[in-house]
All heavy atoms as atom14 arrays in JSON, in Angstrom:
{
  "sequence": "ELAKALLFSVKQGLYQKSYTLSQGTVDDKQQSSI",
  "atom14_mask": [
    [1, 1, 1, 1, 1, 1, 1, 1, 1, 0, 0, 0, 0, 0],
    [1, 1, 1, 1, 1, 1, 1, 1, 0, 0, 0, 0, 0, 0],
    [1, 1, 1, 1, 1, 0, 0, 0, 0, 0, 0, 0, 0, 0],
    [1, 1, 1, 1, 1, 1, 1, 1, 1, 0, 0, 0, 0, 0],
    [1, 1, 1, 1, 1, 0, 0, 0, 0, 0, 0, 0, 0, 0],
    [1, 1, 1, 1, 1, 1, 1, 1, 0, 0, 0, 0, 0, 0],
    [1, 1, 1, 1, 1, 1, 1, 1, 0, 0, 0, 0, 0, 0],
    [1, 1, 1, 1, 1, 1, 1, 1, 1, 1, 1, 0, 0, 0],
    [1, 1, 1, 1, 1, 1, 0, 0, 0, 0, 0, 0, 0, 0],
    [1, 1, 1, 1, 1, 1, 1, 0, 0, 0, 0, 0, 0, 0],
    [1, 1, 1, 1, 1, 1, 1, 1, 1, 0, 0, 0, 0, 0],
    [1, 1, 1, 1, 1, 1, 1, 1, 1, 0, 0, 0, 0, 0],
    [1, 1, 1, 1, 0, 0, 0, 0, 0, 0, 0, 0, 0, 0],
    [1, 1, 1, 1, 1, 1, 1, 1, 0, 0, 0, 0, 0, 0],
    [1, 1, 1, 1, 1, 1, 1, 1, 1, 1, 1, 1, 0, 0],
    [1, 1, 1, 1, 1, 1, 1, 1, 1, 0, 0, 0, 0, 0],
    [1, 1, 1, 1, 1, 1, 1, 1, 1, 0, 0, 0, 0, 0],
    [1, 1, 1, 1, 1, 1, 0, 0, 0, 0, 0, 0, 0, 0],
    [1, 1, 1, 1, 1, 1, 1, 1, 1, 1, 1, 1, 0, 0],
    [1, 1, 1, 1, 1, 1, 1, 0, 0, 0, 0, 0, 0, 0],
    [1, 1, 1, 1, 1, 1, 1, 1, 0, 0, 0, 0, 0, 0],
    [1, 1, 1, 1, 1, 1, 0, 0, 0, 0, 0, 0, 0, 0],
    [1, 1, 1, 1, 1, 1, 1, 1, 1, 0, 0, 0, 0, 0],
    [1, 1, 1, 1, 0, 0, 0, 0, 0, 0, 0, 0, 0, 0],
    [1, 1, 1, 1, 1, 1, 1, 0, 0, 0, 0, 0, 0, 0],
    [1, 1, 1, 1, 1, 1, 1, 0, 0, 0, 0, 0, 0, 0],
    [1, 1, 1, 1, 1, 1, 1, 1, 0, 0, 0, 0, 0, 0],
    [1, 1, 1, 1, 1, 1, 1, 1, 0, 0, 0, 0, 0, 0],
    [1, 1, 1, 1, 1, 1, 1, 1, 1, 0, 0, 0, 0, 0],
    [1, 1, 1, 1, 1, 1, 1, 1, 1, 0, 0, 0, 0, 0],
    [1, 1, 1, 1, 1, 1, 1, 1, 1, 0, 0, 0, 0, 0],
    [1, 1, 1, 1, 1, 1, 0, 0, 0, 0, 0, 0, 0, 0],
    [1, 1, 1, 1, 1, 1, 0, 0, 0, 0, 0, 0, 0, 0],
    [1, 1, 1, 1, 1, 1, 1, 1, 0, 0, 0, 0, 0, 0]
  ],
  "atom14_positions": [
    [[12.27, -7.63, -6.51], [12.25, -8.55, -5.38], [12.34, -7.8, -4.04], [11.73, -8.18, -3.04], [13.39, -9.54, -5.5], [13.23, -10.57, -6.61], [14.46, -11.43, -6.84], [15.58, -10.92, -6.61], [14.31, -12.59, -7.2], [0.0, 0.0, 0.0], [0.0, 0.0, 0.0], [0.0, 0.0, 0.0], [0.0, 0.0, 0.0], [0.0, 0.0, 0.0]],
    [[13.1, -6.71, -4.04], [13.19, -5.88, -2.83], [11.83, -5.26, -2.51], [11.45, -5.19, -1.33], [14.24, -4.77, -3.03], [15.7, -5.2, -2.94], [16.61, -4.03, -3.35], [16.07, -5.68, -1.54], [0.0, 0.0, 0.0], [0.0, 0.0, 0.0], [0.0, 0.0, 0.0], [0.0, 0.0, 0.0], [0.0, 0.0, 0.0], [0.0, 0.0, 0.0]],
    [[11.1, -4.84, -3.55], [9.78, -4.26, -3.34], [8.85, -5.29, -2.7], [8.12, -4.97, -1.76], [9.22, -3.76, -4.66], [0.0, 0.0, 0.0], [0.0, 0.0, 0.0], [0.0, 0.0, 0.0], [0.0, 0.0, 0.0], [0.0, 0.0, 0.0], [0.0, 0.0, 0.0], [0.0, 0.0, 0.0], [0.0, 0.0, 0.0], [0.0, 0.0, 0.0]],
    [[8.88, -6.5, -3.2], [8.02, -7.55, -2.65], [8.42, -7.88, -1.21], [7.56, -8.08, -0.34], [8.11, -8.81, -3.52], [7.49, -8.64, -4.89], [7.62, -9.96, -5.68], [6.97, -9.82, -7.05], [7.11, -11.06, -7.85], [0.0, 0.0, 0.0], [0.0, 0.0, 0.0], [0.0, 0.0, 0.0], [0.0, 0.0, 0.0], [0.0, 0.0, 0.0]],
    [[9.72, -7.92, -0.95], [10.19, -8.2, 0.41], [9.76, -7.12, 1.39], [9.38, -7.42, 2.53], [11.7, -8.36, 0.41], [0.0, 0.0, 0.0], [0.0, 0.0, 0.0], [0.0, 0.0, 0.0], [0.0, 0.0, 0.0], [0.0, 0.0, 0.0], [0.0, 0.0, 0.0], [0.0, 0.0, 0.0], [0.0, 0.0, 0.0], [0.0, 0.0, 0.0]],
    [[9.79, -5.87, 0.92], [9.37, -4.77, 1.78], [7.89, -4.84, 2.07], [7.46, -4.65, 3.21], [9.74, -3.44, 1.13], [9.43, -2.17, 1.94], [10.1, -2.23, 3.32], [9.87, -0.93, 1.18], [0.0, 0.0, 0.0], [0.0, 0.0, 0.0], [0.0, 0.0, 0.0], [0.0, 0.0, 0.0], [0.0, 0.0, 0.0], [0.0, 0.0, 0.0]],
    [[7.08, -5.13, 1.05], [5.63, -5.27, 1.24], [5.35, -6.39, 2.24], [4.48, -6.24, 3.11], [4.95, -5.57, -0.1], [4.53, -4.35, -0.94], [4.01, -4.81, -2.28], [3.49, -3.55, -0.21], [0.0, 0.0, 0.0], [0.0, 0.0, 0.0], [0.0, 0.0, 0.0], [0.0, 0.0, 0.0], [0.0, 0.0, 0.0], [0.0, 0.0, 0.0]],
    [[6.06, -7.49, 2.09], [5.83, -8.63, 2.99], [6.19, -8.25, 4.44], [5.43, -8.58, 5.36], [6.69, -9.81, 2.56], [6.59, -10.99, 3.47], [5.47, -11.82, 3.41], [7.6, -11.28, 4.36], [5.37, -12.92, 4.26], [7.49, -12.38, 5.21], [6.38, -13.2, 5.16], [0.0, 0.0, 0.0], [0.0, 0.0, 0.0], [0.0, 0.0, 0.0]],
    [[7.29, -7.54, 4.6], [7.69, -7.15, 5.97], [6.68, -6.19, 6.61], [6.42, -6.24, 7.79], [9.08, -6.53, 5.96], [9.06, -5.25, 5.37], [0.0, 0.0, 0.0], [0.0, 0.0, 0.0], [0.0, 0.0, 0.0], [0.0, 0.0, 0.0], [0.0, 0.0, 0.0], [0.0, 0.0, 0.0], [0.0, 0.0, 0.0], [0.0, 0.0, 0.0]],
    [[6.11, -5.33, 5.77], [5.1, -4.37, 6.27], [3.84, -5.12, 6.67], [3.24, -4.86, 7.71], [4.79, -3.31, 5.2], [3.59, -2.49, 5.61], [5.98, -2.4, 5.03], [0.0, 0.0, 0.0], [0.0, 0.0, 0.0], [0.0, 0.0, 0.0], [0.0, 0.0, 0.0], [0.0, 0.0, 0.0], [0.0, 0.0, 0.0], [0.0, 0.0, 0.0]],
    [[3.45, -6.11, 5.87], [2.27, -6.9, 6.21], [2.47, -7.61, 7.55], [1.59, -7.67, 8.4], [1.99, -7.94, 5.14], [1.41, -7.37, 3.85], [1.14, -8.5, 2.87], [0.56, -7.93, 1.56], [0.3, -9.04, 0.58], [0.0, 0.0, 0.0], [0.0, 0.0, 0.0], [0.0, 0.0, 0.0], [0.0, 0.0, 0.0], [0.0, 0.0, 0.0]],
    [[3.66, -8.14, 7.73], [3.97, -8.8, 8.99], [3.81, -7.82, 10.16], [3.23, -8.16, 11.19], [5.39, -9.32, 8.96], [5.66, -10.44, 7.97], [4.97, -11.72, 8.34], [3.86, -12.01, 7.9], [5.61, -12.52, 9.18], [0.0, 0.0, 0.0], [0.0, 0.0, 0.0], [0.0, 0.0, 0.0], [0.0, 0.0, 0.0], [0.0, 0.0, 0.0]],
    [[4.3, -6.63, 10.0], [4.21, -5.64, 11.05], [2.81, -5.16, 11.29], [2.39, -4.97, 12.44], [0.0, 0.0, 0.0], [0.0, 0.0, 0.0], [0.0, 0.0, 0.0], [0.0, 0.0, 0.0], [0.0, 0.0, 0.0], [0.0, 0.0, 0.0], [0.0, 0.0, 0.0], [0.0, 0.0, 0.0], [0.0, 0.0, 0.0], [0.0, 0.0, 0.0]],
    [[2.02, -4.95, 10.18], [0.69, -4.4, 10.33], [-0.32, -5.42, 10.85], [-1.17, -5.11, 11.67], [0.21, -3.88, 8.96], [0.83, -2.57, 8.48], [0.38, -2.26, 7.07], [0.51, -1.43, 9.42], [0.0, 0.0, 0.0], [0.0, 0.0, 0.0], [0.0, 0.0, 0.0], [0.0, 0.0, 0.0], [0.0, 0.0, 0.0], [0.0, 0.0, 0.0]],
    [[-0.22, -6.65, 10.37], [-1.26, -7.62, 10.66], [-0.93, -8.57, 11.8], [-1.82, -9.07, 12.45], [-1.63, -8.41, 9.41], [-2.06, -7.51, 8.27], [-1.58, -7.71, 6.98], [-2.92, -6.46, 8.5], [-1.97, -6.9, 5.94], [-3.32, -5.64, 7.48], [-2.84, -5.84, 6.18], [-3.24, -5.02, 5.15], [0.0, 0.0, 0.0], [0.0, 0.0, 0.0]],
    [[0.36, -8.85, 12.02], [0.72, -9.77, 13.08], [1.22, -9.05, 14.33], [1.48, -9.69, 15.32], [1.79, -10.75, 12.57], [1.3, -11.63, 11.42], [2.36, -12.61, 10.99], [3.33, -12.85, 11.7], [2.17, -13.2, 9.83], [0.0, 0.0, 0.0], [0.0, 0.0, 0.0], [0.0, 0.0, 0.0], [0.0, 0.0, 0.0], [0.0, 0.0, 0.0]],
    [[1.38, -7.74, 14.19], [1.86, -6.95, 15.34], [3.18, -7.51, 15.87], [3.4, -7.55, 17.08], [0.83, -6.9, 16.47], [-0.47, -6.25, 16.05], [-0.29, -4.78, 15.75], [-1.6, -4.11, 15.38], [-1.43, -2.72, 15.0], [0.0, 0.0, 0.0], [0.0, 0.0, 0.0], [0.0, 0.0, 0.0], [0.0, 0.0, 0.0], [0.0, 0.0, 0.0]],
    [[3.98, -8.0, 14.94], [5.26, -8.63, 15.38], [6.33, -7.59, 15.47], [7.36, -7.65, 14.8], [5.65, -9.74, 14.39], [5.78, -9.21, 13.11], [0.0, 0.0, 0.0], [0.0, 0.0, 0.0], [0.0, 0.0, 0.0], [0.0, 0.0, 0.0], [0.0, 0.0, 0.0], [0.0, 0.0, 0.0], [0.0, 0.0, 0.0], [0.0, 0.0, 0.0]],
    [[6.14, -6.61, 16.34], [7.13, -5.58, 16.53], [8.22, -6.11, 17.48], [8.01, -6.26, 18.68], [6.51, -4.32, 17.12], [5.54, -3.65, 16.19], [4.18, -3.73, 16.44], [5.98, -2.96, 15.09], [3.27, -3.11, 15.59], [5.09, -2.34, 14.24], [3.73, -2.4, 14.49], [2.85, -1.8, 13.64], [0.0, 0.0, 0.0], [0.0, 0.0, 0.0]],
    [[9.34, -6.43, 16.95], [10.4, -6.99, 17.77], [10.95, -5.98, 18.77], [11.6, -6.36, 19.74], [11.57, -7.47, 16.89], [12.06, -6.38, 16.13], [11.1, -8.58, 15.94], [0.0, 0.0, 0.0], [0.0, 0.0, 0.0], [0.0, 0.0, 0.0], [0.0, 0.0, 0.0], [0.0, 0.0, 0.0], [0.0, 0.0, 0.0], [0.0, 0.0, 0.0]],
    [[10.67, -4.72, 18.56], [11.23, -3.7, 19.46], [10.33, -3.36, 20.61], [10.75, -2.77, 21.58], [11.56, -2.45, 18.66], [12.54, -2.61, 17.51], [12.71, -1.3, 16.8], [13.88, -3.1, 18.03], [0.0, 0.0, 0.0], [0.0, 0.0, 0.0], [0.0, 0.0, 0.0], [0.0, 0.0, 0.0], [0.0, 0.0, 0.0], [0.0, 0.0, 0.0]],
    [[9.01, -3.69, 20.47], [8.09, -3.22, 21.51], [8.2, -4.08, 22.75], [8.75, -3.67, 23.76], [6.66, -3.24, 20.99], [6.29, -4.51, 20.54], [0.0, 0.0, 0.0], [0.0, 0.0, 0.0], [0.0, 0.0, 0.0], [0.0, 0.0, 0.0], [0.0, 0.0, 0.0], [0.0, 0.0, 0.0], [0.0, 0.0, 0.0], [0.0, 0.0, 0.0]],
    [[7.77, -5.33, 22.7], [7.88, -6.25, 23.81], [7.46, -5.6, 25.13], [8.05, -5.81, 26.17], [9.31, -6.79, 23.94], [9.76, -7.56, 22.69], [11.18, -8.04, 22.8], [11.91, -7.65, 23.69], [11.59, -8.9, 21.91], [0.0, 0.0, 0.0], [0.0, 0.0, 0.0], [0.0, 0.0, 0.0], [0.0, 0.0, 0.0], [0.0, 0.0, 0.0]],
    [[6.41, -4.8, 25.04], [5.89, -4.19, 26.26], [6.58, -2.93, 26.68], [6.17, -2.29, 27.65], [0.0, 0.0, 0.0], [0.0, 0.0, 0.0], [0.0, 0.0, 0.0], [0.0, 0.0, 0.0], [0.0, 0.0, 0.0], [0.0, 0.0, 0.0], [0.0, 0.0, 0.0], [0.0, 0.0, 0.0], [0.0, 0.0, 0.0], [0.0, 0.0, 0.0]],
    [[7.63, -2.51, 25.98], [8.34, -1.31, 26.39], [8.08, -0.12, 25.46], [8.25, 1.01, 25.84], [9.87, -1.56, 26.43], [10.34, -1.83, 25.12], [10.2, -2.71, 27.35], [0.0, 0.0, 0.0], [0.0, 0.0, 0.0], [0.0, 0.0, 0.0], [0.0, 0.0, 0.0], [0.0, 0.0, 0.0], [0.0, 0.0, 0.0], [0.0, 0.0, 0.0]],
    [[7.69, -0.42, 24.22], [7.43, 0.65, 23.26], [6.09, 0.39, 22.63], [5.89, -0.68, 22.06], [8.52, 0.67, 22.16], [8.31, 1.85, 21.23], [9.9, 0.73, 22.78], [0.0, 0.0, 0.0], [0.0, 0.0, 0.0], [0.0, 0.0, 0.0], [0.0, 0.0, 0.0], [0.0, 0.0, 0.0], [0.0, 0.0, 0.0], [0.0, 0.0, 0.0]],
    [[5.17, 1.34, 22.71], [3.89, 1.1, 22.06], [3.96, 1.42, 20.59], [4.89, 2.04, 20.09], [2.75, 1.89, 22.75], [2.96, 3.39, 22.65], [3.41, 3.85, 21.58], [2.68, 4.09, 23.64], [0.0, 0.0, 0.0], [0.0, 0.0, 0.0], [0.0, 0.0, 0.0], [0.0, 0.0, 0.0], [0.0, 0.0, 0.0], [0.0, 0.0, 0.0]],
    [[2.91, 1.01, 19.85], [2.91, 1.1, 18.4], [3.05, 2.55, 17.91], [3.66, 2.83, 16.89], [1.62, 0.52, 17.82], [1.57, -1.0, 18.09], [2.59, -1.54, 18.49], [0.5, -1.59, 17.89], [0.0, 0.0, 0.0], [0.0, 0.0, 0.0], [0.0, 0.0, 0.0], [0.0, 0.0, 0.0], [0.0, 0.0, 0.0], [0.0, 0.0, 0.0]],
    [[2.46, 3.5, 18.65], [2.5, 4.9, 18.21], [3.92, 5.47, 18.22], [4.19, 6.42, 17.54], [1.58, 5.74, 19.11], [0.1, 5.43, 18.96], [-0.74, 6.31, 19.86], [-2.23, 5.99, 19.71], [-3.07, 6.82, 20.6], [0.0, 0.0, 0.0], [0.0, 0.0, 0.0], [0.0, 0.0, 0.0], [0.0, 0.0, 0.0], [0.0, 0.0, 0.0]],
    [[4.75, 4.89, 19.05], [6.12, 5.38, 19.16], [6.98, 4.89, 18.01], [8.08, 5.39, 17.81], [6.75, 4.91, 20.48], [6.2, 5.61, 21.71], [6.85, 5.06, 22.95], [6.59, 3.94, 23.38], [7.71, 5.85, 23.56], [0.0, 0.0, 0.0], [0.0, 0.0, 0.0], [0.0, 0.0, 0.0], [0.0, 0.0, 0.0], [0.0, 0.0, 0.0]],
    [[6.53, 3.89, 17.28], [7.36, 3.33, 16.24], [7.18, 4.07, 14.92], [6.06, 4.41, 14.54], [7.0, 1.84, 16.03], [7.18, 1.06, 17.32], [7.31, -0.39, 17.02], [8.02, -0.76, 16.14], [6.63, -1.21, 17.81], [0.0, 0.0, 0.0], [0.0, 0.0, 0.0], [0.0, 0.0, 0.0], [0.0, 0.0, 0.0], [0.0, 0.0, 0.0]],
    [[8.28, 4.35, 14.26], [8.23, 5.03, 12.96], [7.86, 4.03, 11.91], [8.7, 3.57, 11.13], [9.61, 5.68, 12.67], [9.96, 6.53, 13.69], [0.0, 0.0, 0.0], [0.0, 0.0, 0.0], [0.0, 0.0, 0.0], [0.0, 0.0, 0.0], [0.0, 0.0, 0.0], [0.0, 0.0, 0.0], [0.0, 0.0, 0.0], [0.0, 0.0, 0.0]],
    [[6.61, 3.61, 11.9], [6.17, 2.57, 10.98], [5.76, 3.18, 9.65], [5.61, 4.39, 9.49], [5.01, 1.79, 11.59], [3.93, 2.67, 11.85], [0.0, 0.0, 0.0], [0.0, 0.0, 0.0], [0.0, 0.0, 0.0], [0.0, 0.0, 0.0], [0.0, 0.0, 0.0], [0.0, 0.0, 0.0], [0.0, 0.0, 0.0], [0.0, 0.0, 0.0]],
    [[5.57, 2.3, 8.69], [5.19, 2.72, 7.35], [3.93, 1.98, 6.94], [3.78, 0.79, 7.23], [6.34, 2.44, 6.35], [6.03, 3.03, 5.0], [6.64, 0.98, 6.23], [7.23, 3.03, 4.07], [0.0, 0.0, 0.0], [0.0, 0.0, 0.0], [0.0, 0.0, 0.0], [0.0, 0.0, 0.0], [0.0, 0.0, 0.0], [0.0, 0.0, 0.0]]
  ]
}
């Protein structure tokens, strides 16, 4: 279930660009994404 939750969270980040930390102050390249 943790694996599925992690995949889901990654999809959210990759496809919806819902980076809660960026908000115009941090671009995507600065984020240690997976």
